[in-house]
């Protein structure tokens, strides 16, 4: 493969990833719009329901994802400098923080299930319609985001395996690592919006 062809493939790969990320932003953007409409119609109920969430869990997960985004950015930079082992270690740390995020989210969800605060539960059905809408959106949006975290961790794990098996170089695998990093940053950005929408309602 010529150098020009390699750069062309890298540009095409990057463009494809940006187009994919755009579709993901449209998906979450639609959900944010639905949230805004329902919150406007039930402001007091949304505020009351938000008080049922654990700010400690939400803040802790925010710190985890922000730190993981930093470690991913450092991994991409290290890979570009040819520091492959350091890059892989940083990616491993990113994966670990993503998985810890999912564990924390699972624990938080288990508490809500224990209190009967989930769609279809008798306890929640007896509450204000606005609170039912809040928790339906909470589970739908944080669940979809959690799925993206899981997929992102899987992608990063696949990148680590591929790089280790194929004798990585910055030229050959740089675009792959960069694209995986872009996806992970999207996951983090979405959470930055979800956190205040659900946990910091005033």
N, C-alpha and C. Protein backbone atom coordinates (compact mmCIF):
# COMPACT_ATOMS: atom_id res chain seq x y z
N UNK A 1 0.84 -1.19 0.00
CA UNK A 1 0.00 0.00 0.00
C UNK A 1 0.88 1.24 0.00
N UNK A 2 0.58 2.20 -0.88
CA UNK A 2 1.37 3.41 -0.94
C UNK A 2 1.02 4.31 0.24
N UNK A 3 1.93 5.27 0.50
CA UNK A 3 1.68 6.20 1.60
C UNK A 3 0.44 7.02 1.33
N UNK A 4 0.27 7.42 0.03
CA UNK A 4 -0.91 8.20 -0.32
C UNK A 4 -2.19 7.39 -0.10
N UNK A 5 -2.12 6.10 -0.50
CA UNK A 5 -3.29 5.24 -0.28
C UNK A 5 -3.60 5.06 1.18
N UNK A 6 -2.53 4.93 2.00
CA UNK A 6 -2.75 4.78 3.44
C UNK A 6 -3.42 6.00 4.04
N UNK A 7 -2.96 7.20 3.63
CA UNK A 7 -3.59 8.43 4.14
C UNK A 7 -5.03 8.53 3.66
N UNK A 8 -5.28 8.09 2.41
CA UNK A 8 -6.65 8.13 1.90
C UNK A 8 -7.56 7.20 2.68
N UNK A 9 -7.07 6.01 3.00
CA UNK A 9 -7.87 5.07 3.79
C UNK A 9 -8.13 5.62 5.19
N UNK A 10 -7.12 6.28 5.77
CA UNK A 10 -7.29 6.85 7.10
C UNK A 10 -8.35 7.95 7.08
N UNK A 11 -8.31 8.79 6.03
CA UNK A 11 -9.32 9.85 5.93
C UNK A 11 -10.72 9.26 5.75
N UNK A 12 -10.82 8.23 4.91
CA UNK A 12 -12.12 7.60 4.69
C UNK A 12 -12.64 6.95 5.97
N UNK A 13 -11.74 6.31 6.70
CA UNK A 13 -12.12 5.68 7.96
C UNK A 13 -12.60 6.72 8.97
N UNK A 14 -11.88 7.83 9.04
CA UNK A 14 -12.26 8.89 9.97
C UNK A 14 -13.61 9.50 9.57
N UNK A 15 -13.80 9.72 8.27
CA UNK A 15 -15.07 10.28 7.80
C UNK A 15 -16.22 9.33 8.11
N UNK A 16 -16.01 8.02 7.89
CA UNK A 16 -17.04 7.04 8.20
C UNK A 16 -17.40 7.05 9.67
N UNK A 17 -16.40 7.17 10.53
CA UNK A 17 -16.66 7.20 11.96
C UNK A 17 -17.44 8.44 12.35
N UNK A 18 -17.09 9.60 11.79
CA UNK A 18 -17.81 10.83 12.11
C UNK A 18 -19.27 10.74 11.66
N UNK A 19 -19.52 10.11 10.50
CA UNK A 19 -20.89 9.93 10.05
C UNK A 19 -21.67 9.02 11.00
N UNK A 20 -21.00 7.96 11.46
CA UNK A 20 -21.65 7.06 12.42
C UNK A 20 -21.96 7.79 13.72
N UNK A 21 -21.00 8.58 14.20
CA UNK A 21 -21.22 9.33 15.44
C UNK A 21 -22.36 10.33 15.28
N UNK A 22 -22.50 10.88 14.07
CA UNK A 22 -23.59 11.82 13.82
C UNK A 22 -24.94 11.13 13.98
N UNK A 23 -25.05 9.90 13.48
CA UNK A 23 -26.31 9.16 13.64
C UNK A 23 -26.58 8.86 15.11
N UNK A 24 -25.52 8.58 15.86
CA UNK A 24 -25.69 8.34 17.29
C UNK A 24 -26.16 9.60 18.01
N UNK A 25 -25.62 10.74 17.61
CA UNK A 25 -26.04 12.01 18.22
C UNK A 25 -27.49 12.31 17.89
N UNK A 26 -27.93 11.95 16.67
CA UNK A 26 -29.34 12.13 16.32
C UNK A 26 -30.23 11.27 17.21
N UNK A 27 -29.79 10.03 17.47
CA UNK A 27 -30.56 9.13 18.32
C UNK A 27 -30.74 9.72 19.71
N UNK A 28 -29.65 10.09 20.34
CA UNK A 28 -29.75 10.63 21.70
C UNK A 28 -30.39 12.02 21.68
N UNK A 29 -30.15 12.79 20.62
CA UNK A 29 -30.79 14.10 20.51
C UNK A 29 -32.30 13.99 20.50
N UNK A 30 -32.83 12.98 19.82
CA UNK A 30 -34.28 12.76 19.82
C UNK A 30 -34.79 12.44 21.21
N UNK A 31 -34.04 11.63 21.95
CA UNK A 31 -34.44 11.30 23.32
C UNK A 31 -34.37 12.52 24.23
N UNK A 32 -33.36 13.36 24.04
CA UNK A 32 -33.27 14.59 24.83
C UNK A 32 -34.46 15.51 24.55
N UNK A 33 -34.90 15.52 23.29
CA UNK A 33 -36.05 16.34 22.93
C UNK A 33 -37.31 15.83 23.61
N UNK A 34 -37.49 14.50 23.61
CA UNK A 34 -38.64 13.91 24.30
C UNK A 34 -38.61 14.26 25.78
N UNK A 35 -37.42 14.14 26.38
CA UNK A 35 -37.26 14.49 27.79
C UNK A 35 -37.67 15.94 28.04
N UNK A 36 -37.21 16.85 27.18
CA UNK A 36 -37.50 18.27 27.38
C UNK A 36 -39.00 18.55 27.31
N UNK A 37 -39.69 17.88 26.39
CA UNK A 37 -41.13 18.08 26.25
C UNK A 37 -41.86 17.61 27.50
N UNK A 38 -41.53 16.42 27.97
CA UNK A 38 -42.21 15.88 29.15
C UNK A 38 -41.84 16.65 30.43
N UNK A 39 -40.60 17.08 30.52
CA UNK A 39 -40.22 17.85 31.71
C UNK A 39 -40.95 19.19 31.74
N UNK A 40 -41.13 19.79 30.59
CA UNK A 40 -41.86 21.06 30.54
C UNK A 40 -43.30 20.87 31.00
N UNK A 41 -43.87 19.72 30.71
CA UNK A 41 -45.24 19.46 31.11
C UNK A 41 -45.41 19.01 32.55
N UNK A 42 -44.33 18.49 33.16
CA UNK A 42 -44.42 17.98 34.54
C UNK A 42 -43.19 18.42 35.35
N UNK A 43 -42.96 19.71 35.49
CA UNK A 43 -41.74 20.16 36.18
C UNK A 43 -41.65 19.74 37.64
N UNK A 44 -42.78 19.84 38.38
CA UNK A 44 -42.73 19.50 39.80
C UNK A 44 -42.52 18.00 39.99
N UNK A 45 -43.19 17.20 39.19
CA UNK A 45 -43.05 15.74 39.32
C UNK A 45 -41.63 15.30 38.95
N UNK A 46 -41.04 15.91 37.93
CA UNK A 46 -39.67 15.56 37.55
C UNK A 46 -38.71 15.93 38.66
N UNK A 47 -38.94 17.08 39.30
CA UNK A 47 -38.08 17.50 40.40
C UNK A 47 -38.19 16.54 41.57
N UNK A 48 -39.41 16.13 41.88
CA UNK A 48 -39.61 15.20 42.99
C UNK A 48 -38.98 13.84 42.69
N UNK A 49 -39.15 13.36 41.47
CA UNK A 49 -38.59 12.05 41.11
C UNK A 49 -37.07 12.09 41.09
N UNK A 50 -36.51 13.20 40.68
CA UNK A 50 -35.05 13.32 40.67
C UNK A 50 -34.45 13.15 42.05
N UNK A 51 -35.20 13.59 43.06
CA UNK A 51 -34.73 13.45 44.43
C UNK A 51 -34.61 12.01 44.89
N UNK A 52 -35.23 11.08 44.15
CA UNK A 52 -35.13 9.66 44.47
C UNK A 52 -33.83 9.04 43.97
N UNK A 53 -33.11 9.75 43.11
CA UNK A 53 -31.86 9.22 42.57
C UNK A 53 -30.70 9.53 43.51
N UNK A 54 -29.65 8.71 43.42
CA UNK A 54 -28.48 8.88 44.27
C UNK A 54 -27.48 9.80 43.58
N UNK A 55 -27.31 11.01 44.13
CA UNK A 55 -26.35 11.94 43.56
C UNK A 55 -24.93 11.38 43.66
N UNK A 56 -24.66 10.61 44.71
CA UNK A 56 -23.33 10.02 44.89
C UNK A 56 -23.01 9.06 43.75
N UNK A 57 -23.98 8.20 43.39
CA UNK A 57 -23.77 7.29 42.27
C UNK A 57 -23.56 8.07 40.98
N UNK A 58 -24.41 9.07 40.76
CA UNK A 58 -24.30 9.84 39.53
C UNK A 58 -23.00 10.59 39.41
N UNK A 59 -22.58 11.24 40.51
CA UNK A 59 -21.33 11.99 40.50
C UNK A 59 -20.13 11.06 40.36
N UNK A 60 -20.19 9.92 41.05
CA UNK A 60 -19.09 8.96 40.94
C UNK A 60 -18.93 8.44 39.53
N UNK A 61 -20.04 8.14 38.88
CA UNK A 61 -19.96 7.66 37.51
C UNK A 61 -19.49 8.75 36.56
N UNK A 62 -19.84 9.99 36.85
CA UNK A 62 -19.36 11.10 36.03
C UNK A 62 -17.84 11.21 36.12
N UNK A 63 -17.31 11.10 37.33
CA UNK A 63 -15.85 11.15 37.51
C UNK A 63 -15.18 10.00 36.78
N UNK A 64 -15.79 8.82 36.86
CA UNK A 64 -15.22 7.65 36.17
C UNK A 64 -15.14 7.88 34.66
N UNK A 65 -16.22 8.36 34.07
CA UNK A 65 -16.21 8.52 32.62
C UNK A 65 -15.32 9.68 32.17
N UNK A 66 -15.29 10.76 32.94
CA UNK A 66 -14.39 11.86 32.58
C UNK A 66 -12.93 11.40 32.65
N UNK A 67 -12.60 10.63 33.68
CA UNK A 67 -11.24 10.11 33.80
C UNK A 67 -10.92 9.13 32.68
N UNK A 68 -11.91 8.31 32.32
CA UNK A 68 -11.69 7.35 31.24
C UNK A 68 -11.50 8.06 29.91
N UNK A 69 -12.17 9.18 29.73
CA UNK A 69 -12.00 9.95 28.50
C UNK A 69 -10.58 10.52 28.43
N UNK A 70 -10.07 10.96 29.57
CA UNK A 70 -8.70 11.46 29.62
C UNK A 70 -7.71 10.34 29.31
N UNK A 71 -7.92 9.18 29.90
CA UNK A 71 -6.99 8.07 29.67
C UNK A 71 -7.04 7.63 28.20
N UNK A 72 -8.21 7.70 27.58
CA UNK A 72 -8.32 7.34 26.17
C UNK A 72 -7.58 8.35 25.30
N UNK A 73 -7.71 9.62 25.62
CA UNK A 73 -7.00 10.65 24.87
C UNK A 73 -5.48 10.47 25.01
N UNK A 74 -5.03 10.14 26.21
CA UNK A 74 -3.60 9.89 26.42
C UNK A 74 -3.14 8.65 25.67
N UNK A 75 -4.03 7.65 25.57
CA UNK A 75 -3.69 6.42 24.83
C UNK A 75 -3.48 6.73 23.35
N UNK A 76 -4.38 7.53 22.77
CA UNK A 76 -4.24 7.89 21.36
C UNK A 76 -2.94 8.66 21.13
N UNK A 77 -2.64 9.59 22.03
CA UNK A 77 -1.40 10.37 21.91
C UNK A 77 -0.17 9.47 22.03
N UNK A 78 -0.21 8.53 22.97
CA UNK A 78 0.92 7.62 23.15
C UNK A 78 1.09 6.74 21.91
N UNK A 79 -0.01 6.28 21.34
CA UNK A 79 0.05 5.43 20.15
C UNK A 79 0.66 6.19 18.99
N UNK A 80 0.29 7.45 18.84
CA UNK A 80 0.84 8.25 17.75
C UNK A 80 2.34 8.46 17.90
N UNK A 81 2.83 8.43 19.13
CA UNK A 81 4.27 8.59 19.37
C UNK A 81 5.01 7.26 19.33
N UNK A 82 4.28 6.19 19.05
CA UNK A 82 4.91 4.87 18.97
C UNK A 82 5.09 4.19 20.30
N UNK A 83 4.48 4.72 21.35
CA UNK A 83 4.58 4.11 22.69
C UNK A 83 3.44 3.10 22.85
N UNK A 84 3.58 1.98 22.16
CA UNK A 84 2.47 1.04 22.04
C UNK A 84 2.08 0.42 23.38
N UNK A 85 3.07 -0.01 24.16
CA UNK A 85 2.76 -0.63 25.44
C UNK A 85 2.03 0.33 26.37
N UNK A 86 2.50 1.57 26.41
CA UNK A 86 1.83 2.56 27.25
C UNK A 86 0.40 2.81 26.76
N UNK A 87 0.23 2.88 25.45
CA UNK A 87 -1.09 3.11 24.89
C UNK A 87 -2.04 1.98 25.26
N UNK A 88 -1.56 0.75 25.15
CA UNK A 88 -2.41 -0.39 25.48
C UNK A 88 -2.77 -0.42 26.97
N UNK A 89 -1.82 -0.04 27.80
CA UNK A 89 -2.10 0.02 29.24
C UNK A 89 -3.17 1.07 29.54
N UNK A 90 -3.09 2.21 28.86
CA UNK A 90 -4.08 3.27 29.06
C UNK A 90 -5.45 2.84 28.55
N UNK A 91 -5.47 2.13 27.43
CA UNK A 91 -6.74 1.62 26.92
C UNK A 91 -7.33 0.61 27.90
N UNK A 92 -6.47 -0.23 28.47
CA UNK A 92 -6.94 -1.17 29.49
C UNK A 92 -7.56 -0.45 30.68
N UNK A 93 -6.93 0.65 31.09
CA UNK A 93 -7.50 1.44 32.19
C UNK A 93 -8.84 2.04 31.81
N UNK A 94 -8.95 2.48 30.56
CA UNK A 94 -10.22 3.02 30.07
C UNK A 94 -11.31 1.96 30.13
N UNK A 95 -10.99 0.76 29.68
CA UNK A 95 -11.96 -0.34 29.72
C UNK A 95 -12.38 -0.62 31.16
N UNK A 96 -11.41 -0.66 32.06
CA UNK A 96 -11.70 -0.94 33.46
C UNK A 96 -12.65 0.08 34.05
N UNK A 97 -12.42 1.36 33.76
CA UNK A 97 -13.31 2.40 34.29
C UNK A 97 -14.70 2.30 33.67
N UNK A 98 -14.77 1.94 32.39
CA UNK A 98 -16.08 1.75 31.77
C UNK A 98 -16.85 0.62 32.42
N UNK A 99 -16.16 -0.48 32.71
CA UNK A 99 -16.83 -1.62 33.36
C UNK A 99 -17.25 -1.27 34.78
N UNK A 100 -16.43 -0.49 35.48
CA UNK A 100 -16.79 -0.06 36.82
C UNK A 100 -18.02 0.86 36.77
N UNK A 101 -18.09 1.68 35.75
CA UNK A 101 -19.28 2.51 35.55
C UNK A 101 -20.53 1.63 35.45
N UNK A 102 -20.43 0.55 34.67
CA UNK A 102 -21.58 -0.34 34.50
C UNK A 102 -21.94 -1.04 35.81
N UNK A 103 -20.94 -1.42 36.59
CA UNK A 103 -21.21 -2.03 37.89
C UNK A 103 -21.97 -1.06 38.78
N UNK A 104 -21.50 0.18 38.84
CA UNK A 104 -22.17 1.20 39.66
C UNK A 104 -23.59 1.44 39.19
N UNK A 105 -23.75 1.51 37.86
CA UNK A 105 -25.10 1.72 37.33
C UNK A 105 -26.00 0.54 37.67
N UNK A 106 -25.47 -0.67 37.59
CA UNK A 106 -26.25 -1.84 37.96
C UNK A 106 -26.67 -1.82 39.41
N UNK A 107 -25.76 -1.39 40.29
CA UNK A 107 -26.10 -1.28 41.71
C UNK A 107 -27.18 -0.24 41.93
N UNK A 108 -27.06 0.88 41.23
CA UNK A 108 -28.07 1.94 41.37
C UNK A 108 -29.43 1.45 40.88
N UNK A 109 -29.43 0.76 39.76
CA UNK A 109 -30.68 0.22 39.25
C UNK A 109 -31.29 -0.78 40.23
N UNK A 110 -30.45 -1.61 40.84
CA UNK A 110 -30.96 -2.61 41.78
C UNK A 110 -31.65 -1.95 42.97
N UNK A 111 -31.13 -0.81 43.40
CA UNK A 111 -31.77 -0.07 44.49
C UNK A 111 -33.15 0.41 44.05
N UNK A 112 -33.23 0.94 42.82
CA UNK A 112 -34.52 1.43 42.32
C UNK A 112 -35.52 0.27 42.18
N UNK A 113 -35.05 -0.88 41.73
CA UNK A 113 -35.94 -2.04 41.63
C UNK A 113 -36.41 -2.46 43.02
N UNK A 114 -35.50 -2.41 43.98
CA UNK A 114 -35.87 -2.77 45.35
C UNK A 114 -36.92 -1.86 45.94
N UNK A 115 -36.94 -0.59 45.50
CA UNK A 115 -37.92 0.37 45.99
C UNK A 115 -39.18 0.39 45.12
N UNK A 116 -39.21 -0.45 44.09
CA UNK A 116 -40.38 -0.48 43.21
C UNK A 116 -40.47 0.71 42.27
N UNK A 117 -39.35 1.38 42.03
CA UNK A 117 -39.35 2.55 41.17
C UNK A 117 -38.85 2.18 39.77
N UNK A 118 -39.63 1.35 39.11
CA UNK A 118 -39.31 0.97 37.73
C UNK A 118 -40.62 0.83 36.97
N UNK A 119 -40.59 1.01 35.65
CA UNK A 119 -41.83 0.99 34.86
C UNK A 119 -42.62 -0.29 35.06
N UNK A 120 -43.90 -0.13 35.34
CA UNK A 120 -44.78 -1.28 35.53
C UNK A 120 -44.93 -1.71 36.98
N UNK A 121 -44.07 -1.22 37.87
CA UNK A 121 -44.16 -1.60 39.28
C UNK A 121 -45.37 -0.94 39.93
N UNK A 122 -46.00 -1.65 40.85
CA UNK A 122 -47.20 -1.12 41.51
C UNK A 122 -46.90 0.16 42.27
N UNK A 123 -45.74 0.21 42.92
CA UNK A 123 -45.38 1.42 43.68
C UNK A 123 -45.31 2.63 42.77
N UNK A 124 -44.68 2.47 41.63
CA UNK A 124 -44.54 3.61 40.70
C UNK A 124 -45.86 3.94 40.04
N UNK A 125 -46.66 2.93 39.72
CA UNK A 125 -47.95 3.17 39.07
C UNK A 125 -48.88 4.00 39.94
N UNK A 126 -48.68 3.95 41.27
CA UNK A 126 -49.54 4.71 42.18
C UNK A 126 -49.11 6.16 42.30
N UNK A 127 -48.01 6.52 41.67
CA UNK A 127 -47.49 7.88 41.79
C UNK A 127 -48.01 8.79 40.68
N UNK A 128 -47.60 10.04 40.76
CA UNK A 128 -47.97 11.04 39.77
C UNK A 128 -47.53 10.59 38.37
N UNK A 129 -48.34 10.86 37.34
CA UNK A 129 -47.95 10.48 35.97
C UNK A 129 -46.60 11.05 35.55
N UNK A 130 -46.28 12.25 36.02
CA UNK A 130 -44.99 12.84 35.68
C UNK A 130 -43.83 12.05 36.25
N UNK A 131 -43.99 11.50 37.44
CA UNK A 131 -42.94 10.67 38.02
C UNK A 131 -42.78 9.37 37.25
N UNK A 132 -43.91 8.82 36.79
CA UNK A 132 -43.82 7.61 35.97
C UNK A 132 -43.07 7.89 34.67
N UNK A 133 -43.34 9.04 34.07
CA UNK A 133 -42.63 9.43 32.85
C UNK A 133 -41.14 9.60 33.13
N UNK A 134 -40.82 10.22 34.26
CA UNK A 134 -39.42 10.46 34.61
C UNK A 134 -38.65 9.15 34.69
N UNK A 135 -39.21 8.19 35.43
CA UNK A 135 -38.47 6.93 35.60
C UNK A 135 -38.46 6.09 34.33
N UNK A 136 -39.48 6.22 33.50
CA UNK A 136 -39.45 5.53 32.21
C UNK A 136 -38.31 6.08 31.35
N UNK A 137 -38.18 7.40 31.33
CA UNK A 137 -37.08 8.01 30.58
C UNK A 137 -35.74 7.69 31.20
N UNK A 138 -35.69 7.70 32.51
CA UNK A 138 -34.43 7.39 33.21
C UNK A 138 -33.92 6.01 32.83
N UNK A 139 -34.78 5.01 32.90
CA UNK A 139 -34.33 3.65 32.58
C UNK A 139 -34.03 3.51 31.08
N UNK A 140 -34.85 4.13 30.25
CA UNK A 140 -34.62 4.02 28.80
C UNK A 140 -33.31 4.69 28.38
N UNK A 141 -33.09 5.90 28.86
CA UNK A 141 -31.94 6.67 28.40
C UNK A 141 -30.63 6.21 29.04
N UNK A 142 -30.66 5.94 30.34
CA UNK A 142 -29.44 5.44 30.97
C UNK A 142 -29.16 4.00 30.56
N UNK A 143 -30.22 3.24 30.27
CA UNK A 143 -30.01 1.87 29.79
C UNK A 143 -29.39 1.86 28.40
N UNK A 144 -29.88 2.73 27.51
CA UNK A 144 -29.30 2.83 26.18
C UNK A 144 -27.86 3.31 26.26
N UNK A 145 -27.62 4.27 27.13
CA UNK A 145 -26.24 4.74 27.30
C UNK A 145 -25.36 3.63 27.85
N UNK A 146 -25.85 2.88 28.83
CA UNK A 146 -25.07 1.78 29.37
C UNK A 146 -24.73 0.75 28.31
N UNK A 147 -25.66 0.49 27.39
CA UNK A 147 -25.38 -0.42 26.28
C UNK A 147 -24.24 0.11 25.42
N UNK A 148 -24.22 1.42 25.21
CA UNK A 148 -23.14 2.02 24.43
C UNK A 148 -21.81 1.92 25.17
N UNK A 149 -21.84 2.06 26.49
CA UNK A 149 -20.61 1.88 27.27
C UNK A 149 -20.10 0.46 27.10
N UNK A 150 -21.00 -0.51 27.18
CA UNK A 150 -20.61 -1.92 27.04
C UNK A 150 -20.03 -2.18 25.65
N UNK A 151 -20.68 -1.66 24.63
CA UNK A 151 -20.17 -1.83 23.26
C UNK A 151 -18.81 -1.15 23.12
N UNK A 152 -18.68 0.05 23.68
CA UNK A 152 -17.41 0.76 23.60
C UNK A 152 -16.29 0.00 24.28
N UNK A 153 -16.58 -0.58 25.45
CA UNK A 153 -15.56 -1.38 26.14
C UNK A 153 -15.19 -2.60 25.30
N UNK A 154 -16.19 -3.21 24.67
CA UNK A 154 -15.91 -4.36 23.79
C UNK A 154 -15.05 -3.98 22.61
N UNK A 155 -15.35 -2.84 22.00
CA UNK A 155 -14.55 -2.35 20.86
C UNK A 155 -13.11 -2.10 21.29
N UNK A 156 -12.94 -1.45 22.43
CA UNK A 156 -11.58 -1.17 22.91
C UNK A 156 -10.84 -2.46 23.23
N UNK A 157 -11.56 -3.44 23.80
CA UNK A 157 -10.93 -4.73 24.06
C UNK A 157 -10.49 -5.41 22.78
N UNK A 158 -11.33 -5.33 21.73
CA UNK A 158 -10.97 -5.91 20.44
C UNK A 158 -9.75 -5.21 19.85
N UNK A 159 -9.68 -3.89 20.03
CA UNK A 159 -8.52 -3.13 19.53
C UNK A 159 -7.24 -3.61 20.21
N UNK A 160 -7.31 -3.79 21.52
CA UNK A 160 -6.13 -4.25 22.26
C UNK A 160 -5.67 -5.61 21.75
N UNK A 161 -6.60 -6.54 21.56
CA UNK A 161 -6.25 -7.88 21.08
C UNK A 161 -5.65 -7.80 19.68
N UNK A 162 -6.27 -7.02 18.80
CA UNK A 162 -5.78 -6.90 17.42
C UNK A 162 -4.38 -6.32 17.38
N UNK A 163 -4.17 -5.28 18.15
CA UNK A 163 -2.87 -4.61 18.15
C UNK A 163 -1.78 -5.54 18.67
N UNK A 164 -2.09 -6.29 19.73
CA UNK A 164 -1.09 -7.20 20.30
C UNK A 164 -0.75 -8.35 19.36
N UNK A 165 -1.74 -8.81 18.60
CA UNK A 165 -1.52 -9.97 17.75
C UNK A 165 -0.84 -9.63 16.42
N UNK A 166 -0.97 -8.40 15.97
CA UNK A 166 -0.55 -8.09 14.61
C UNK A 166 0.69 -7.21 14.52
N UNK A 167 1.40 -7.03 15.62
CA UNK A 167 2.61 -6.22 15.55
C UNK A 167 2.30 -4.78 15.17
N UNK A 168 1.67 -4.06 16.06
CA UNK A 168 1.12 -2.75 15.75
C UNK A 168 2.19 -1.72 15.46
N UNK A 169 1.82 -0.80 14.59
CA UNK A 169 2.59 0.42 14.38
C UNK A 169 1.61 1.57 14.32
N UNK A 170 2.10 2.78 14.58
CA UNK A 170 1.22 3.94 14.55
C UNK A 170 0.62 4.13 13.16
N UNK A 171 1.38 3.79 12.12
CA UNK A 171 0.89 3.97 10.76
C UNK A 171 -0.23 2.99 10.44
N UNK A 172 -0.08 1.75 10.87
CA UNK A 172 -1.05 0.72 10.51
C UNK A 172 -2.33 0.81 11.33
N UNK A 173 -2.20 1.04 12.62
CA UNK A 173 -3.35 0.96 13.51
C UNK A 173 -3.76 2.29 14.14
N UNK A 174 -3.06 3.36 13.82
CA UNK A 174 -3.40 4.66 14.37
C UNK A 174 -4.85 5.06 14.14
N UNK A 175 -5.34 4.96 12.88
CA UNK A 175 -6.75 5.33 12.63
C UNK A 175 -7.74 4.48 13.42
N UNK A 176 -7.43 3.19 13.60
CA UNK A 176 -8.31 2.30 14.36
C UNK A 176 -8.41 2.76 15.81
N UNK A 177 -7.26 3.04 16.41
CA UNK A 177 -7.24 3.50 17.80
C UNK A 177 -7.94 4.85 17.92
N UNK A 178 -7.69 5.73 16.97
CA UNK A 178 -8.31 7.05 17.01
C UNK A 178 -9.84 6.95 16.90
N UNK A 179 -10.33 6.11 15.98
CA UNK A 179 -11.77 5.96 15.82
C UNK A 179 -12.43 5.36 17.06
N UNK A 180 -11.76 4.37 17.66
CA UNK A 180 -12.28 3.79 18.90
C UNK A 180 -12.35 4.86 19.99
N UNK A 181 -11.32 5.73 20.00
CA UNK A 181 -11.31 6.82 20.97
C UNK A 181 -12.45 7.80 20.74
N UNK A 182 -12.75 8.10 19.48
CA UNK A 182 -13.85 9.01 19.17
C UNK A 182 -15.17 8.45 19.68
N UNK A 183 -15.37 7.16 19.49
CA UNK A 183 -16.61 6.54 19.97
C UNK A 183 -16.70 6.64 21.49
N UNK A 184 -15.57 6.40 22.16
CA UNK A 184 -15.58 6.46 23.62
C UNK A 184 -15.88 7.87 24.11
N UNK A 185 -15.33 8.87 23.43
CA UNK A 185 -15.59 10.25 23.82
C UNK A 185 -17.08 10.58 23.64
N UNK A 186 -17.72 10.03 22.61
CA UNK A 186 -19.15 10.25 22.43
C UNK A 186 -19.92 9.70 23.62
N UNK A 187 -19.56 8.50 24.05
CA UNK A 187 -20.21 7.89 25.21
C UNK A 187 -20.09 8.80 26.43
N UNK A 188 -18.92 9.38 26.62
CA UNK A 188 -18.70 10.27 27.76
C UNK A 188 -19.52 11.55 27.63
N UNK A 189 -19.57 12.12 26.42
CA UNK A 189 -20.31 13.37 26.21
C UNK A 189 -21.79 13.16 26.49
N UNK A 190 -22.34 12.04 26.04
CA UNK A 190 -23.76 11.77 26.29
C UNK A 190 -24.03 11.74 27.79
N UNK A 191 -23.14 11.10 28.56
CA UNK A 191 -23.36 11.05 30.01
C UNK A 191 -23.27 12.43 30.64
N UNK A 192 -22.43 13.30 30.12
CA UNK A 192 -22.31 14.65 30.65
C UNK A 192 -23.65 15.38 30.56
N UNK A 193 -24.45 15.04 29.54
CA UNK A 193 -25.79 15.61 29.43
C UNK A 193 -26.79 14.86 30.32
N UNK A 194 -26.67 13.55 30.38
CA UNK A 194 -27.62 12.76 31.17
C UNK A 194 -27.52 13.08 32.66
N UNK A 195 -26.31 13.28 33.15
CA UNK A 195 -26.12 13.49 34.58
C UNK A 195 -26.92 14.69 35.10
N UNK A 196 -26.78 15.89 34.53
CA UNK A 196 -27.58 17.00 35.07
C UNK A 196 -29.07 16.85 34.79
N UNK A 197 -29.43 16.25 33.65
CA UNK A 197 -30.85 16.13 33.31
C UNK A 197 -31.61 15.29 34.33
N UNK A 198 -30.96 14.26 34.85
CA UNK A 198 -31.67 13.36 35.79
C UNK A 198 -31.31 13.61 37.25
N UNK A 199 -30.08 14.00 37.52
CA UNK A 199 -29.64 14.08 38.91
C UNK A 199 -29.61 15.50 39.49
N UNK A 200 -29.61 16.51 38.65
CA UNK A 200 -29.42 17.88 39.14
C UNK A 200 -30.59 18.77 38.80
N UNK A 201 -31.79 18.22 38.76
CA UNK A 201 -32.98 19.03 38.46
C UNK A 201 -33.26 20.01 39.61
N UNK A 202 -33.43 21.25 39.25
CA UNK A 202 -33.72 22.27 40.28
C UNK A 202 -35.10 22.87 40.06
